[in-house]
Amino acid sequence: MKVLITGGAGFLGLHLARFFSKNKYEVYLLDIADFDKKEYPKDCHFIKVDIRDVQSINRLYNDIRPDFVIHAAAALPLWKKEDIIDINVNGARNILKVSLENKVKRVIFISSTAVYGVPKKHPVYEDDRRVGVGPYGQSKIEAENLCFQYIKKSLNVTIIRP
């Protein structure tokens, strides 16, 4: 089985790569950042691609044919608003679109508890109102909304809010 992890150069990407490699998956890591390859299992494949480039994403999917995609790539809250929206929303749209077209078995979208803004109560539940604060929280809500649209198109999408 092949798993493609976007944001593969990040903290979560590294640990996911270790887990999936240990469990005998063929691991493909995608990022625009540089990888410190010595930290990763030797059998990982490293791909430098921007998730905003839908043509490159399409070629990549055609080349590797992933079974599963974990979409963890994101612009962070301290980045410029335009970059946050472009990467987090348009990048997610590209991953979802190409995953549907290529019949990926499951997409796992890594969202954020930032979709809840500043909670007025604890604990927070997944069906609580989403009120993202700032561009990052708002972008994660928009990306989740895209996930819900693709679920209606029969793409198997799971949203996780760490």
Protein backbone atom coordinates (compact mmCIF):
# COMPACT_ATOMS: atom_id res chain seq x y z
CA MET A 1 0.00 0.00 0.00
CA LYS A 2 1.19 3.49 -0.83
CA VAL A 3 0.67 6.50 1.42
CA LEU A 4 1.35 10.08 0.33
CA ILE A 5 1.96 12.56 3.14
CA THR A 6 1.82 16.26 2.28
CA GLY A 7 3.77 18.47 4.64
CA GLY A 8 6.17 15.57 4.94
CA ALA A 9 9.08 17.75 6.09
CA GLY A 10 7.19 18.83 9.21
CA PHE A 11 7.02 17.32 12.69
CA LEU A 12 3.86 15.34 12.00
CA GLY A 13 5.11 14.24 8.57
CA LEU A 14 8.30 12.82 10.09
CA HIS A 15 6.44 10.80 12.71
CA LEU A 16 3.84 9.57 10.23
CA ALA A 17 6.64 8.48 7.89
CA ARG A 18 8.24 6.47 10.67
CA PHE A 19 4.92 4.83 11.59
CA PHE A 20 3.93 3.90 8.05
CA SER A 21 7.40 2.73 7.08
CA LYS A 22 7.51 0.49 10.17
CA ASN A 23 4.14 -0.93 9.12
CA LYS A 24 5.42 -1.79 5.63
CA TYR A 25 3.71 0.97 3.65
CA GLU A 26 5.47 2.56 0.71
CA VAL A 27 5.87 6.15 1.97
CA TYR A 28 5.94 9.23 -0.26
CA LEU A 29 6.65 12.55 1.42
CA LEU A 30 5.71 15.76 -0.33
CA ASP A 31 6.79 19.26 0.71
CA ILE A 32 8.26 22.48 -0.64
CA ALA A 33 10.60 22.64 2.36
CA ASP A 34 13.87 20.76 2.47
CA PHE A 35 13.95 17.35 4.11
CA ASP A 36 16.59 16.30 6.65
CA LYS A 37 16.69 12.86 5.04
CA LYS A 38 18.87 11.29 7.72
CA GLU A 39 15.97 11.60 10.21
CA TYR A 40 13.60 9.56 8.03
CA PRO A 41 13.44 5.83 7.35
CA LYS A 42 15.70 4.89 4.46
CA ASP A 43 12.83 3.57 2.31
CA CYS A 44 10.93 6.89 2.11
CA HIS A 45 10.54 8.75 -1.17
CA PHE A 46 11.05 12.52 -1.03
CA ILE A 47 9.23 14.81 -3.45
CA LYS A 48 9.59 18.57 -3.64
CA VAL A 49 6.26 19.86 -4.99
CA ASP A 50 4.02 22.80 -4.16
CA ILE A 51 0.45 21.69 -3.39
CA ARG A 52 -0.81 24.84 -5.12
CA ASP A 53 0.49 23.51 -8.44
CA VAL A 54 -2.37 21.24 -9.50
CA GLN A 55 -0.62 20.07 -12.69
CA SER A 56 2.39 18.85 -10.71
CA ILE A 57 0.11 17.18 -8.16
CA ASN A 58 -1.75 15.46 -11.02
CA ARG A 59 1.51 14.17 -12.54
CA LEU A 60 2.66 12.97 -9.13
CA TYR A 61 -0.55 11.01 -8.53
CA ASN A 62 -0.30 9.48 -12.00
CA ASP A 63 3.28 8.42 -11.28
CA ILE A 64 2.85 6.92 -7.81
CA ARG A 65 -0.88 6.05 -7.61
CA PRO A 66 -1.29 6.55 -3.83
CA ASP A 67 -3.83 4.44 -1.96
CA PHE A 68 -4.04 6.88 0.95
CA VAL A 69 -3.27 10.57 1.32
CA ILE A 70 -2.61 12.38 4.58
CA HIS A 71 -2.89 16.08 3.87
CA ALA A 72 -0.85 17.76 6.60
CA ALA A 73 0.69 20.60 4.57
CA ALA A 74 -0.30 24.04 5.82
CA ALA A 75 0.85 27.62 6.11
CA LEU A 76 1.25 28.50 9.77
CA PRO A 77 -0.66 31.20 11.70
CA LEU A 78 2.24 33.68 11.64
CA TRP A 79 2.50 33.68 7.84
CA LYS A 80 1.02 36.35 5.58
CA LYS A 81 -2.76 36.17 5.19
CA GLU A 82 -2.55 35.70 1.40
CA ASP A 83 -0.15 32.77 1.78
CA ILE A 84 -2.25 31.15 4.49
CA ILE A 85 -5.40 31.26 2.35
CA ASP A 86 -3.59 30.22 -0.83
CA ILE A 87 -1.79 27.25 0.70
CA ASN A 88 -4.42 26.06 3.17
CA VAL A 89 -7.49 26.47 0.99
CA ASN A 90 -6.28 26.21 -2.61
CA GLY A 91 -3.76 23.52 -1.71
CA ALA A 92 -6.47 21.47 0.01
CA ARG A 93 -8.75 21.94 -3.01
CA ASN A 94 -6.03 20.58 -5.31
CA ILE A 95 -5.33 17.56 -3.11
CA LEU A 96 -9.04 16.73 -2.80
CA LYS A 97 -9.71 17.22 -6.53
CA VAL A 98 -6.82 15.06 -7.67
CA SER A 99 -7.55 12.44 -4.99
CA LEU A 100 -11.13 12.09 -6.24
CA GLU A 101 -10.03 11.89 -9.87
CA ASN A 102 -7.47 9.21 -9.00
CA LYS A 103 -9.82 7.16 -6.82
CA VAL A 104 -7.71 7.44 -3.66
CA LYS A 105 -9.16 5.10 -1.01
CA ARG A 106 -9.03 7.66 1.82
CA VAL A 107 -7.85 11.21 2.41
CA ILE A 108 -7.09 12.29 5.96
CA PHE A 109 -7.17 16.05 6.31
CA ILE A 110 -5.20 17.50 9.21
CA SER A 111 -7.19 20.51 10.34
CA SER A 112 -6.80 22.28 13.70
CA THR A 113 -8.68 23.14 16.87
CA ALA A 114 -8.18 26.72 15.63
CA VAL A 115 -11.53 26.20 13.86
CA TYR A 116 -13.17 26.71 17.29
CA GLY A 117 -11.59 30.11 17.88
CA VAL A 118 -11.31 30.87 21.59
CA PRO A 119 -13.65 28.32 23.21
CA LYS A 120 -16.14 29.56 25.77
CA LYS A 121 -16.39 26.07 27.29
CA HIS A 122 -14.34 22.94 27.77
CA PRO A 123 -14.25 20.32 26.58
CA VAL A 124 -14.78 21.26 22.95
CA TYR A 125 -16.75 18.75 20.84
CA GLU A 126 -16.43 18.16 17.13
CA ASP A 127 -19.97 19.38 16.49
CA ASP A 128 -19.42 22.66 18.36
CA ARG A 129 -19.73 25.85 16.33
CA ARG A 130 -16.72 26.65 14.17
CA VAL A 131 -15.59 30.27 14.54
CA GLY A 132 -12.04 30.46 13.28
CA VAL A 133 -10.05 33.41 14.54
CA GLY A 134 -7.70 35.07 12.07
CA PRO A 135 -6.68 33.88 8.63
CA TYR A 136 -5.34 30.53 9.87
CA GLY A 137 -8.53 29.49 11.69
CA GLN A 138 -10.68 30.78 8.85
CA SER A 139 -8.58 28.95 6.26
CA LYS A 140 -8.95 25.67 8.14
CA ILE A 141 -12.74 26.12 8.21
CA GLU A 142 -12.77 26.81 4.45
CA ALA A 143 -10.62 23.74 3.83
CA GLU A 144 -12.91 21.60 6.00
CA ASN A 145 -15.88 22.89 4.00
CA LEU A 146 -14.11 21.70 0.85
CA CYS A 147 -13.68 18.30 2.52
CA PHE A 148 -17.42 18.15 3.19
CA GLN A 149 -18.10 18.99 -0.48
CA TYR A 150 -15.82 16.17 -1.61
CA ILE A 151 -17.41 13.74 0.82
CA LYS A 152 -20.70 14.45 -1.01
CA LYS A 153 -18.87 13.56 -4.24
CA SER A 154 -18.03 10.15 -2.69
CA LEU A 155 -14.43 10.84 -1.68
CA ASN A 156 -13.66 9.11 1.61
CA VAL A 157 -12.35 11.99 3.74
CA THR A 158 -11.60 12.05 7.46
CA ILE A 159 -10.96 15.35 9.22
CA ILE A 160 -8.72 15.40 12.27
CA ARG A 161 -8.42 18.49 14.49
CA PRO A 162 -5.27 18.21 16.60
